[in-house]
Amino acid sequence: MLFRVGHDVRYEIIVDAPNAKEAEKIAEDFPYEEWVFRYTSNEDVVAMEEDPRNPNPSS
């Protein structure tokens, strides 16, 4: 049986800036590998086809 598994990763960094626009500019210069916080914010598993041995596993 095939499954598509995906997860969204959220990256966060804290920067000192005079305003939000400047904070965005500063953050753009940092590669994601250097960002301080990262965690999975959403994960999903979707069946791509039915299992021929058990096409309706909920019953």
PDB file of N, CA and C in Angstrom:
ATOM      1  N   MET A   1       0.834  -1.171   0.000  1.00  0.00           N
ATOM      2  CA  MET A   1       0.000   0.000   0.000  1.00  0.00           C
ATOM      3  C   MET A   1       0.886   1.244   0.000  1.00  0.00           C
ATOM      4  N   LEU A   2       0.526   2.226  -0.750  1.00  0.00           N
ATOM      5  CA  LEU A   2       1.316   3.452  -0.844  1.00  0.00           C
ATOM      6  C   LEU A   2       0.698   4.552   0.011  1.00  0.00           C
ATOM      7  N   PHE A   3       1.556   5.286   0.700  1.00  0.00           N
ATOM      8  CA  PHE A   3       1.129   6.431   1.496  1.00  0.00           C
ATOM      9  C   PHE A   3       1.966   7.636   1.107  1.00  0.00           C
ATOM     10  N   ARG A   4       1.340   8.787   1.079  1.00  0.00           N
ATOM     11  CA  ARG A   4       2.065  10.042   0.930  1.00  0.00           C
ATOM     12  C   ARG A   4       2.168  10.655   2.322  1.00  0.00           C
ATOM     13  N   VAL A   5       3.385  10.850   2.794  1.00  0.00           N
ATOM     14  CA  VAL A   5       3.613  11.413   4.125  1.00  0.00           C
ATOM     15  C   VAL A   5       4.265  12.778   3.944  1.00  0.00           C
ATOM     16  N   GLY A   6       3.717  13.782   4.591  1.00  0.00           N
ATOM     17  CA  GLY A   6       4.290  15.111   4.487  1.00  0.00           C
ATOM     18  C   GLY A   6       4.288  15.811   5.834  1.00  0.00           C
ATOM     19  N   HIS A   7       5.188  16.727   6.011  1.00  0.00           N
ATOM     20  CA  HIS A   7       5.155  17.548   7.212  1.00  0.00           C
ATOM     21  C   HIS A   7       5.657  18.945   6.880  1.00  0.00           C
ATOM     22  N   ASP A   8       5.050  19.901   7.537  1.00  0.00           N
ATOM     23  CA  ASP A   8       5.434  21.298   7.385  1.00  0.00           C
ATOM     24  C   ASP A   8       6.355  21.649   8.539  1.00  0.00           C
ATOM     25  N   VAL A   9       7.473  22.252   8.222  1.00  0.00           N
ATOM     26  CA  VAL A   9       8.419  22.654   9.255  1.00  0.00           C
ATOM     27  C   VAL A   9       8.372  24.164   9.386  1.00  0.00           C
ATOM     28  N   ARG A  10       8.242  24.617  10.598  1.00  0.00           N
ATOM     29  CA  ARG A  10       8.222  26.056  10.868  1.00  0.00           C
ATOM     30  C   ARG A  10       9.600  26.450  11.383  1.00  0.00           C
ATOM     31  N   TYR A  11      10.175  27.473  10.788  1.00  0.00           N
ATOM     32  CA  TYR A  11      11.460  28.002  11.215  1.00  0.00           C
ATOM     33  C   TYR A  11      11.229  29.346  11.890  1.00  0.00           C
ATOM     34  N   GLU A  12      11.916  29.570  12.988  1.00  0.00           N
ATOM     35  CA  GLU A  12      11.797  30.855  13.685  1.00  0.00           C
ATOM     36  C   GLU A  12      13.176  31.344  14.103  1.00  0.00           C
ATOM     37  N   ILE A  13      13.328  32.632  14.082  1.00  0.00           N
ATOM     38  CA  ILE A  13      14.550  33.267  14.554  1.00  0.00           C
ATOM     39  C   ILE A  13      14.149  34.579  15.224  1.00  0.00           C
ATOM     40  N   ILE A  14      14.876  34.960  16.220  1.00  0.00           N
ATOM     41  CA  ILE A  14      14.614  36.232  16.905  1.00  0.00           C
ATOM     42  C   ILE A  14      15.683  37.217  16.460  1.00  0.00           C
ATOM     43  N   VAL A  15      15.251  38.366  15.948  1.00  0.00           N
ATOM     44  CA  VAL A  15      16.182  39.396  15.490  1.00  0.00           C
ATOM     45  C   VAL A  15      15.845  40.719  16.175  1.00  0.00           C
ATOM     46  N   ASP A  16      16.869  41.515  16.356  1.00  0.00           N
ATOM     47  CA  ASP A  16      16.695  42.844  16.939  1.00  0.00           C
ATOM     48  C   ASP A  16      16.617  43.831  15.773  1.00  0.00           C
ATOM     49  N   ALA A  17      15.489  44.516  15.623  1.00  0.00           N
ATOM     50  CA  ALA A  17      15.289  45.438  14.512  1.00  0.00           C
ATOM     51  C   ALA A  17      14.376  46.577  14.950  1.00  0.00           C
ATOM     52  N   PRO A  18      14.472  47.721  14.297  1.00  0.00           N
ATOM     53  CA  PRO A  18      13.636  48.865  14.668  1.00  0.00           C
ATOM     54  C   PRO A  18      12.164  48.719  14.261  1.00  0.00           C
ATOM     55  N   ASN A  19      11.890  47.867  13.257  1.00  0.00           N
ATOM     56  CA  ASN A  19      10.506  47.672  12.823  1.00  0.00           C
ATOM     57  C   ASN A  19      10.377  46.324  12.114  1.00  0.00           C
ATOM     58  N   ALA A  20       9.140  45.952  11.784  1.00  0.00           N
ATOM     59  CA  ALA A  20       8.871  44.643  11.182  1.00  0.00           C
ATOM     60  C   ALA A  20       9.523  44.501   9.806  1.00  0.00           C
ATOM     61  N   LYS A  21       9.519  45.564   9.028  1.00  0.00           N
ATOM     62  CA  LYS A  21      10.115  45.496   7.688  1.00  0.00           C
ATOM     63  C   LYS A  21      11.609  45.214   7.763  1.00  0.00           C
ATOM     64  N   GLU A  22      12.285  45.882   8.675  1.00  0.00           N
ATOM     65  CA  GLU A  22      13.719  45.646   8.862  1.00  0.00           C
ATOM     66  C   GLU A  22      13.975  44.236   9.409  1.00  0.00           C
ATOM     67  N   ALA A  23      13.094  43.774  10.274  1.00  0.00           N
ATOM     68  CA  ALA A  23      13.241  42.414  10.819  1.00  0.00           C
ATOM     69  C   ALA A  23      13.166  41.390   9.689  1.00  0.00           C
ATOM     70  N   GLU A  24      12.249  41.579   8.742  1.00  0.00           N
ATOM     71  CA  GLU A  24      12.143  40.671   7.596  1.00  0.00           C
ATOM     72  C   GLU A  24      13.415  40.704   6.760  1.00  0.00           C
ATOM     73  N   LYS A  25      13.963  41.891   6.537  1.00  0.00           N
ATOM     74  CA  LYS A  25      15.195  42.005   5.756  1.00  0.00           C
ATOM     75  C   LYS A  25      16.349  41.272   6.436  1.00  0.00           C
ATOM     76  N   ILE A  26      16.467  41.455   7.746  1.00  0.00           N
ATOM     77  CA  ILE A  26      17.543  40.797   8.490  1.00  0.00           C
ATOM     78  C   ILE A  26      17.381  39.283   8.427  1.00  0.00           C
ATOM     79  N   ALA A  27      16.159  38.819   8.619  1.00  0.00           N
ATOM     80  CA  ALA A  27      15.904  37.371   8.617  1.00  0.00           C
ATOM     81  C   ALA A  27      16.187  36.754   7.252  1.00  0.00           C
ATOM     82  N   GLU A  28      15.935  37.479   6.176  1.00  0.00           N
ATOM     83  CA  GLU A  28      16.185  36.954   4.832  1.00  0.00           C
ATOM     84  C   GLU A  28      17.650  36.623   4.598  1.00  0.00           C
ATOM     85  N   ASP A  29      18.547  37.290   5.325  1.00  0.00           N
ATOM     86  CA  ASP A  29      19.978  37.065   5.140  1.00  0.00           C
ATOM     87  C   ASP A  29      20.499  35.822   5.867  1.00  0.00           C
ATOM     88  N   PHE A  30      19.682  35.217   6.729  1.00  0.00           N
ATOM     89  CA  PHE A  30      20.087  34.027   7.457  1.00  0.00           C
ATOM     90  C   PHE A  30      19.616  32.773   6.722  1.00  0.00           C
ATOM     91  N   PRO A  31      20.534  31.839   6.417  1.00  0.00           N
ATOM     92  CA  PRO A  31      20.064  30.567   5.850  1.00  0.00           C
ATOM     93  C   PRO A  31      19.282  29.784   6.912  1.00  0.00           C
ATOM     94  N   TYR A  32      18.323  28.979   6.472  1.00  0.00           N
ATOM     95  CA  TYR A  32      17.482  28.250   7.432  1.00  0.00           C
ATOM     96  C   TYR A  32      18.293  27.363   8.373  1.00  0.00           C
ATOM     97  N   GLU A  33      19.438  26.893   7.950  1.00  0.00           N
ATOM     98  CA  GLU A  33      20.263  26.052   8.829  1.00  0.00           C
ATOM     99  C   GLU A  33      20.723  26.810  10.076  1.00  0.00           C
ATOM    100  N   GLU A  34      20.732  28.127  10.018  1.00  0.00           N
ATOM    101  CA  GLU A  34      21.180  28.935  11.145  1.00  0.00           C
ATOM    102  C   GLU A  34      20.034  29.456  12.011  1.00  0.00           C
ATOM    103  N   TRP A  35      18.802  29.199  11.594  1.00  0.00           N
ATOM    104  CA  TRP A  35      17.676  29.661  12.397  1.00  0.00           C
ATOM    105  C   TRP A  35      17.621  28.852  13.681  1.00  0.00           C
ATOM    106  N   VAL A  36      17.226  29.480  14.775  1.00  0.00           N
ATOM    107  CA  VAL A  36      17.321  28.880  16.099  1.00  0.00           C
ATOM    108  C   VAL A  36      16.241  27.842  16.366  1.00  0.00           C
ATOM    109  N   PHE A  37      15.014  28.120  15.996  1.00  0.00           N
ATOM    110  CA  PHE A  37      13.901  27.239  16.325  1.00  0.00           C
ATOM    111  C   PHE A  37      13.333  26.611  15.053  1.00  0.00           C
ATOM    112  N   ARG A  38      13.118  25.313  15.095  1.00  0.00           N
ATOM    113  CA  ARG A  38      12.425  24.642  13.997  1.00  0.00           C
ATOM    114  C   ARG A  38      11.681  23.444  14.579  1.00  0.00           C
ATOM    115  N   TYR A  39      10.483  23.278  14.132  1.00  0.00           N
ATOM    116  CA  TYR A  39       9.664  22.169  14.604  1.00  0.00           C
ATOM    117  C   TYR A  39       8.589  21.870  13.571  1.00  0.00           C
ATOM    118  N   THR A  40       8.089  20.659  13.626  1.00  0.00           N
ATOM    119  CA  THR A  40       7.024  20.264  12.721  1.00  0.00           C
ATOM    120  C   THR A  40       5.729  20.886  13.195  1.00  0.00           C
ATOM    121  N   SER A  41       5.097  21.651  12.326  1.00  0.00           N
ATOM    122  CA  SER A  41       3.850  22.310  12.709  1.00  0.00           C
ATOM    123  C   SER A  41       2.624  21.550  12.230  1.00  0.00           C
ATOM    124  N   ASN A  42       2.821  20.678  11.241  1.00  0.00           N
ATOM    125  CA  ASN A  42       1.696  19.915  10.708  1.00  0.00           C
ATOM    126  C   ASN A  42       2.248  18.667  10.045  1.00  0.00           C
ATOM    127  N   GLU A  43       1.576  17.550  10.231  1.00  0.00           N
ATOM    128  CA  GLU A  43       1.988  16.321   9.569  1.00  0.00           C
ATOM    129  C   GLU A  43       0.756  15.605   9.072  1.00  0.00           C
ATOM    130  N   ASP A  44       0.840  15.048   7.886  1.00  0.00           N
ATOM    131  CA  ASP A  44      -0.290  14.300   7.357  1.00  0.00           C
ATOM    132  C   ASP A  44       0.190  13.031   6.679  1.00  0.00           C
ATOM    133  N   VAL A  45      -0.657  12.022   6.739  1.00  0.00           N
ATOM    134  CA  VAL A  45      -0.416  10.748   6.072  1.00  0.00           C
ATOM    135  C   VAL A  45      -1.677  10.442   5.273  1.00  0.00           C
ATOM    136  N   VAL A  46      -1.528  10.300   3.975  1.00  0.00           N
ATOM    137  CA  VAL A  46      -2.671  10.080   3.103  1.00  0.00           C
ATOM    138  C   VAL A  46      -2.458   8.796   2.315  1.00  0.00           C
ATOM    139  N   ALA A  47      -3.421   7.888   2.400  1.00  0.00           N
ATOM    140  CA  ALA A  47      -3.343   6.662   1.610  1.00  0.00           C
ATOM    141  C   ALA A  47      -3.533   7.005   0.141  1.00  0.00           C
ATOM    142  N   MET A  48      -2.668   6.482  -0.697  1.00  0.00           N
ATOM    143  CA  MET A  48      -2.740   6.759  -2.129  1.00  0.00           C
ATOM    144  C   MET A  48      -3.582   5.716  -2.866  1.00  0.00           C
ATOM    145  N   GLU A  49      -3.800   4.586  -2.240  1.00  0.00           N
ATOM    146  CA  GLU A  49      -4.606   3.536  -2.852  1.00  0.00           C
ATOM    147  C   GLU A  49      -5.150   2.655  -1.737  1.00  0.00           C
ATOM    148  N   GLU A  50      -6.175   1.890  -2.019  1.00  0.00           N
ATOM    149  CA  GLU A  50      -6.733   0.987  -1.013  1.00  0.00           C
ATOM    150  C   GLU A  50      -5.874  -0.252  -0.888  1.00  0.00           C
ATOM    151  N   ASP A  51      -5.829  -0.789   0.300  1.00  0.00           N
ATOM    152  CA  ASP A  51      -5.119  -2.036   0.541  1.00  0.00           C
ATOM    153  C   ASP A  51      -5.970  -3.169  -0.030  1.00  0.00           C
ATOM    154  N   PRO A  52      -5.467  -3.910  -1.010  1.00  0.00           N
ATOM    155  CA  PRO A  52      -6.281  -4.968  -1.605  1.00  0.00           C
ATOM    156  C   PRO A  52      -6.645  -6.078  -0.628  1.00  0.00           C
ATOM    157  N   ARG A  53      -5.866  -6.225   0.441  1.00  0.00           N
ATOM    158  CA  ARG A  53      -6.168  -7.252   1.434  1.00  0.00           C
ATOM    159  C   ARG A  53      -7.261  -6.812   2.398  1.00  0.00           C
ATOM    160  N   ASN A  54      -7.393  -5.503   2.577  1.00  0.00           N
ATOM    161  CA  ASN A  54      -8.374  -4.971   3.521  1.00  0.00           C
ATOM    162  C   ASN A  54      -8.836  -3.606   2.997  1.00  0.00           C
ATOM    163  N   PRO A  55      -9.681  -3.577   1.982  1.00  0.00           N
ATOM    164  CA  PRO A  55     -10.047  -2.308   1.343  1.00  0.00           C
ATOM    165  C   PRO A  55     -10.850  -1.359   2.229  1.00  0.00           C
ATOM    166  N   ASN A  56     -11.464  -1.843   3.293  1.00  0.00           N
ATOM    167  CA  ASN A  56     -12.215  -0.986   4.189  1.00  0.00           C
ATOM    168  C   ASN A  56     -11.812  -1.307   5.627  1.00  0.00           C
ATOM    169  N   PRO A  57     -10.623  -0.796   6.073  1.00  0.00           N
ATOM    170  CA  PRO A  57     -10.107  -1.179   7.388  1.00  0.00           C
ATOM    171  C   PRO A  57     -10.941  -0.714   8.573  1.00  0.00           C
ATOM    172  N   SER A  58     -11.850   0.227   8.382  1.00  0.00           N
ATOM    173  CA  SER A  58     -12.645   0.710   9.513  1.00  0.00           C
ATOM    174  C   SER A  58     -13.784  -0.225   9.867  1.00  0.00           C
ATOM    175  N   SER A  59     -14.092  -1.198   9.036  1.00  0.00           N
ATOM    176  CA  SER A  59     -15.225  -2.082   9.344  1.00  0.00           C
ATOM    177  C   SER A  59     -14.743  -3.396   9.921  1.00  0.00           C
TER     178      SER A  59
END
